[in-house]
């Protein structure tokens, strides 16, 4: 289409999207966003039951047939198996959302080198998955959109007084991980642009899960945010679909921050 309208630009009908960590608090909202925009979604989780439930809960506006696969992003063989399975059942992956993340939450006071490296292993998983998706797109002579999930804490430090007396400080290894993912986005974008594979990053601000956030922490965080409230999962949907779709077709190597203004001051 020479001059597509806005609806066409954001439409993901006929596209296949693979998302890691799809059954989590934010992963569920992002998975729904992809499905609502028309994509066939391959959801992954380390837990087969959670993966199946997440896939079954997705809308099917275009009668898309969603899929659930088990993946451990700390295991390269698991990642390779999922990409192979995804391409076999769907014909190919057009969109990757690198969202999965797990590791110890120890802060700088007591984290061990082993625990630190466990957290950083997520970056290796992001890269391995992204490279495999890039390779299968090139083999199919197709473009692809890869969306890394970063964080405002990959850009700014946390406030010590917000955590003091409530819970551990924001994990130092998490800050190192997310900062690295943001810069890895830039690096891969430059090398893969000639392959018509775009790589961008979406960095959420404070989106605490009400079921797991420590008591009192939200009250400490709200004054630090210009909008004076925390983010809600659906507020990531528009930004994600923008990065995944042709609406951002001339955009690569960028970090889109959705944080209520947190990093503005």
Protein backbone atom coordinates (compact mmCIF):
# COMPACT_ATOMS: atom_id res chain seq x y z
CA UNK A 1 0.00 0.00 0.00
CA UNK A 2 1.65 3.23 -1.17
CA UNK A 3 -0.02 5.49 1.39
CA UNK A 4 -1.45 3.31 4.18
CA UNK A 5 -3.98 4.74 6.59
CA UNK A 6 -3.45 4.71 10.34
CA UNK A 7 -5.58 1.63 10.91
CA UNK A 8 -3.50 -0.32 8.38
CA UNK A 9 -0.25 0.79 9.95
CA UNK A 10 -1.20 -0.59 13.36
CA UNK A 11 -2.89 -3.73 12.02
CA UNK A 12 -1.06 -6.98 12.85
CA UNK A 13 -3.44 -9.28 10.98
CA UNK A 14 -1.55 -12.10 9.31
CA UNK A 15 1.52 -11.54 11.49
CA UNK A 16 2.98 -14.04 13.94
CA UNK A 17 4.28 -12.72 17.25
CA UNK A 18 6.39 -14.65 19.75
CA UNK A 19 6.45 -13.26 23.30
CA UNK A 20 8.46 -14.58 26.22
CA UNK A 21 7.22 -14.27 29.78
CA UNK A 22 3.71 -14.03 28.37
CA UNK A 23 1.86 -15.17 31.48
CA UNK A 24 3.18 -12.50 33.86
CA UNK A 25 1.59 -9.28 35.10
CA UNK A 26 2.79 -7.13 32.19
CA UNK A 27 3.33 -10.02 29.79
CA UNK A 28 -0.38 -10.84 29.84
CA UNK A 29 -1.31 -7.30 28.83
CA UNK A 30 1.28 -7.22 26.06
CA UNK A 31 0.16 -10.60 24.75
CA UNK A 32 -3.42 -9.34 24.64
CA UNK A 33 -2.34 -6.22 22.80
CA UNK A 34 -0.70 -8.27 20.04
CA UNK A 35 -3.76 -10.50 19.72
CA UNK A 36 -6.19 -7.56 19.77
CA UNK A 37 -4.23 -6.02 16.89
CA UNK A 38 -4.80 -9.21 14.88
CA UNK A 39 -1.59 -11.20 15.38
CA UNK A 40 -1.28 -14.92 15.89
CA UNK A 41 0.53 -15.08 19.22
CA UNK A 42 2.96 -17.72 20.43
CA UNK A 43 3.11 -17.33 24.20
CA UNK A 44 5.95 -18.84 26.20
CA UNK A 45 6.45 -19.50 29.87
CA UNK A 46 8.59 -21.78 31.98
CA UNK A 47 5.35 -23.24 33.36
CA UNK A 48 3.33 -25.25 30.79
CA UNK A 49 0.02 -24.70 32.61
CA UNK A 50 0.53 -20.93 32.77
CA UNK A 51 1.51 -20.85 29.10
CA UNK A 52 -1.61 -22.79 28.11
CA UNK A 53 -3.87 -20.58 30.23
CA UNK A 54 -2.34 -17.41 28.80
CA UNK A 55 -2.85 -18.59 25.21
CA UNK A 56 -6.43 -19.69 25.89
CA UNK A 57 -7.29 -16.28 27.36
CA UNK A 58 -6.21 -14.31 24.28
CA UNK A 59 -8.84 -12.72 22.03
CA UNK A 60 -9.17 -13.90 18.43
CA UNK A 61 -10.49 -10.96 16.39
CA UNK A 62 -9.42 -12.55 13.12
CA UNK A 63 -9.86 -16.16 14.24
CA UNK A 64 -6.13 -16.38 14.90
CA UNK A 65 -4.94 -19.69 16.33
CA UNK A 66 -2.71 -18.87 19.30
CA UNK A 67 -0.08 -21.28 20.64
CA UNK A 68 1.53 -22.05 23.99
CA UNK A 69 5.12 -23.30 24.31
CA UNK A 70 7.40 -23.93 27.26
CA UNK A 71 10.67 -22.01 27.26
CA UNK A 72 13.45 -21.35 29.75
CA UNK A 73 15.35 -18.32 28.51
CA UNK A 74 18.34 -19.30 30.62
CA UNK A 75 18.65 -22.44 28.49
CA UNK A 76 19.90 -21.93 24.90
CA UNK A 77 18.60 -25.33 23.82
CA UNK A 78 15.14 -24.47 25.10
CA UNK A 79 15.20 -21.19 23.18
CA UNK A 80 16.28 -22.88 19.95
CA UNK A 81 13.60 -25.55 20.35
CA UNK A 82 10.86 -22.95 20.78
CA UNK A 83 11.91 -20.97 17.71
CA UNK A 84 11.96 -24.17 15.66
CA UNK A 85 8.55 -25.24 16.98
CA UNK A 86 7.11 -21.76 16.39
CA UNK A 87 8.22 -21.65 12.76
CA UNK A 88 6.93 -25.16 12.17
CA UNK A 89 3.42 -24.46 13.48
CA UNK A 90 3.04 -20.91 12.14
CA UNK A 91 5.28 -20.73 9.08
CA UNK A 92 7.53 -18.03 10.52
CA UNK A 93 7.93 -15.36 13.19
CA UNK A 94 7.38 -11.70 12.24
CA UNK A 95 7.47 -10.11 15.69
CA UNK A 96 9.45 -10.92 18.82
CA UNK A 97 8.76 -9.41 22.23
CA UNK A 98 11.67 -10.24 24.53
CA UNK A 99 9.86 -9.85 27.85
CA UNK A 100 10.79 -12.85 30.02
CA UNK A 101 12.98 -12.14 33.02
CA UNK A 102 13.78 -13.97 36.23
CA UNK A 103 16.55 -13.89 38.78
CA UNK A 104 17.27 -13.21 42.44
CA UNK A 105 16.15 -9.90 43.90
CA UNK A 106 19.11 -9.35 46.20
CA UNK A 107 20.29 -5.76 46.48
CA UNK A 108 23.85 -4.45 46.53
CA UNK A 109 24.33 -5.25 50.21
CA UNK A 110 24.36 -9.02 49.95
CA UNK A 111 24.18 -10.19 46.33
CA UNK A 112 26.79 -12.79 45.39
CA UNK A 113 28.66 -12.98 42.10
CA UNK A 114 26.70 -16.10 41.20
CA UNK A 115 23.37 -14.37 41.84
CA UNK A 116 24.48 -11.32 39.87
CA UNK A 117 25.43 -13.49 36.90
CA UNK A 118 22.11 -15.35 37.09
CA UNK A 119 20.31 -12.05 36.57
CA UNK A 120 22.62 -11.04 33.72
CA UNK A 121 21.97 -14.40 32.05
CA UNK A 122 18.64 -12.91 30.96
CA UNK A 123 20.54 -10.65 28.56
CA UNK A 124 22.15 -13.68 26.95
CA UNK A 125 18.69 -15.20 26.55
CA UNK A 126 17.37 -12.02 24.94
CA UNK A 127 20.24 -12.02 22.46
CA UNK A 128 20.00 -15.71 21.61
CA UNK A 129 16.26 -15.49 20.99
CA UNK A 130 16.59 -12.28 18.97
CA UNK A 131 19.33 -13.70 16.76
CA UNK A 132 17.34 -16.85 16.03
CA UNK A 133 14.28 -14.80 15.10
CA UNK A 134 16.43 -12.56 12.90
CA UNK A 135 17.96 -15.59 11.18
CA UNK A 136 14.64 -17.25 10.37
CA UNK A 137 13.30 -13.95 9.01
CA UNK A 138 16.31 -13.57 6.71
CA UNK A 139 15.97 -17.19 5.55
CA UNK A 140 12.35 -16.42 4.62
CA UNK A 141 13.38 -13.16 2.90
CA UNK A 142 11.05 -11.33 5.28
CA UNK A 143 11.46 -8.41 7.62
CA UNK A 144 10.86 -8.61 11.35
CA UNK A 145 10.28 -6.35 14.33
CA UNK A 146 12.05 -7.19 17.57
CA UNK A 147 10.99 -5.44 20.76
CA UNK A 148 13.25 -5.71 23.79
CA UNK A 149 11.71 -4.94 27.18
CA UNK A 150 13.95 -2.62 29.17
CA UNK A 151 13.09 -0.47 32.17
CA UNK A 152 13.35 3.06 33.45
CA UNK A 153 15.83 1.46 35.86
CA UNK A 154 18.08 0.81 32.90
CA UNK A 155 18.34 4.59 32.53
CA UNK A 156 18.21 6.08 36.02
CA UNK A 157 19.08 4.99 39.55
CA UNK A 158 16.41 4.24 42.13
CA UNK A 159 15.81 6.47 45.15
CA UNK A 160 17.34 4.88 48.29
CA UNK A 161 14.79 6.50 50.59
CA UNK A 162 11.90 4.97 48.65
CA UNK A 163 12.99 1.47 49.69
CA UNK A 164 14.57 2.08 53.09
CA UNK A 165 12.65 0.35 55.83
CA UNK A 166 10.17 -1.17 53.37
CA UNK A 167 12.10 -3.76 51.37
CA UNK A 168 15.45 -4.42 49.71
CA UNK A 169 16.77 -1.72 47.42
CA UNK A 170 16.04 -2.11 43.72
CA UNK A 171 18.44 -4.94 42.68
CA UNK A 172 21.75 -3.69 41.32
CA UNK A 173 21.90 -6.66 38.96
CA UNK A 174 18.50 -5.72 37.53
CA UNK A 175 19.76 -2.19 36.78
CA UNK A 176 22.83 -3.62 35.07
CA UNK A 177 20.64 -6.03 33.08
CA UNK A 178 18.18 -3.45 31.82
CA UNK A 179 20.86 -0.89 30.99
CA UNK A 180 22.63 -3.55 28.97
CA UNK A 181 19.45 -4.52 27.13
CA UNK A 182 18.84 -0.92 26.09
CA UNK A 183 22.32 -0.64 24.62
CA UNK A 184 22.15 -4.12 23.06
CA UNK A 185 19.06 -2.82 21.26
CA UNK A 186 21.11 -0.08 19.60
CA UNK A 187 23.93 -2.43 18.66
CA UNK A 188 21.74 -5.08 17.05
CA UNK A 189 19.61 -2.46 15.29
CA UNK A 190 22.64 -1.13 13.45
CA UNK A 191 23.86 -4.54 12.36
CA UNK A 192 20.45 -5.89 11.33
CA UNK A 193 18.94 -2.83 9.64
CA UNK A 194 20.21 -3.99 6.24
CA UNK A 195 18.29 -7.24 6.79
CA UNK A 196 15.01 -5.33 7.25
CA UNK A 197 14.98 -6.46 10.88
CA UNK A 198 14.13 -3.62 13.23
CA UNK A 199 15.17 -3.71 16.90
CA UNK A 200 13.64 -1.32 19.42
CA UNK A 201 13.21 -1.27 23.17
CA UNK A 202 10.17 -0.56 25.34
CA UNK A 203 11.06 0.58 28.85
CA UNK A 204 8.26 0.63 31.42
CA UNK A 205 8.42 2.79 34.51
CA UNK A 206 6.78 1.83 37.79
CA UNK A 207 4.11 -0.80 37.10
CA UNK A 208 3.94 -2.65 40.43
CA UNK A 209 1.89 -5.82 40.68
CA UNK A 210 -0.70 -5.25 43.44
CA UNK A 211 -0.42 -8.91 44.42
CA UNK A 212 3.30 -8.81 45.12
CA UNK A 213 4.38 -5.23 45.82
CA UNK A 214 5.62 -4.74 49.43
CA UNK A 215 3.32 -2.77 51.72
CA UNK A 216 4.14 0.91 51.73
CA UNK A 217 6.35 0.92 48.63
CA UNK A 218 3.76 2.44 46.28
CA UNK A 219 3.21 5.32 48.71
CA UNK A 220 6.96 5.96 48.60
CA UNK A 221 7.14 5.80 44.80
CA UNK A 222 4.14 7.95 43.86
CA UNK A 223 5.75 11.29 44.90
CA UNK A 224 8.71 10.51 42.61
CA UNK A 225 6.47 10.34 39.54
CA UNK A 226 5.30 13.59 37.88
CA UNK A 227 1.90 12.01 37.13
CA UNK A 228 1.57 11.07 40.82
CA UNK A 229 0.42 7.51 40.18
CA UNK A 230 1.70 4.12 39.12
CA UNK A 231 1.27 2.67 35.63
CA UNK A 232 -1.44 0.18 34.71
CA UNK A 233 -0.67 -2.79 32.42
CA UNK A 234 -2.99 -1.64 29.62
CA UNK A 235 -0.97 1.57 29.35
CA UNK A 236 1.82 -0.40 27.65
CA UNK A 237 -0.44 -1.79 24.93
CA UNK A 238 -0.36 1.14 22.52
CA UNK A 239 3.40 1.58 22.75
CA UNK A 240 4.00 -2.12 22.17
CA UNK A 241 1.77 -2.35 19.11
CA UNK A 242 3.40 0.81 17.75
CA UNK A 243 6.86 -0.75 17.97
CA UNK A 244 5.72 -4.13 16.67
CA UNK A 245 3.79 -2.78 13.70
CA UNK A 246 4.44 -0.82 10.52
CA UNK A 247 3.42 2.31 12.43
CA UNK A 248 7.10 2.45 13.46
CA UNK A 249 8.53 1.22 10.14
CA UNK A 250 11.24 3.93 10.00
CA UNK A 251 12.29 3.46 13.61
CA UNK A 252 15.06 1.20 14.86
CA UNK A 253 17.62 1.29 17.65
CA UNK A 254 15.37 3.41 19.86
CA UNK A 255 14.21 3.15 23.46
CA UNK A 256 10.60 4.16 24.10
CA UNK A 257 10.03 4.95 27.79
CA UNK A 258 6.54 4.75 29.31
CA UNK A 259 7.03 5.94 32.87
CA UNK A 260 4.56 8.70 33.74
CA UNK A 261 7.39 11.21 33.40
CA UNK A 262 9.69 9.56 35.96
CA UNK A 263 12.86 9.97 33.86
CA UNK A 264 11.96 13.53 32.82
CA UNK A 265 13.48 14.97 35.97
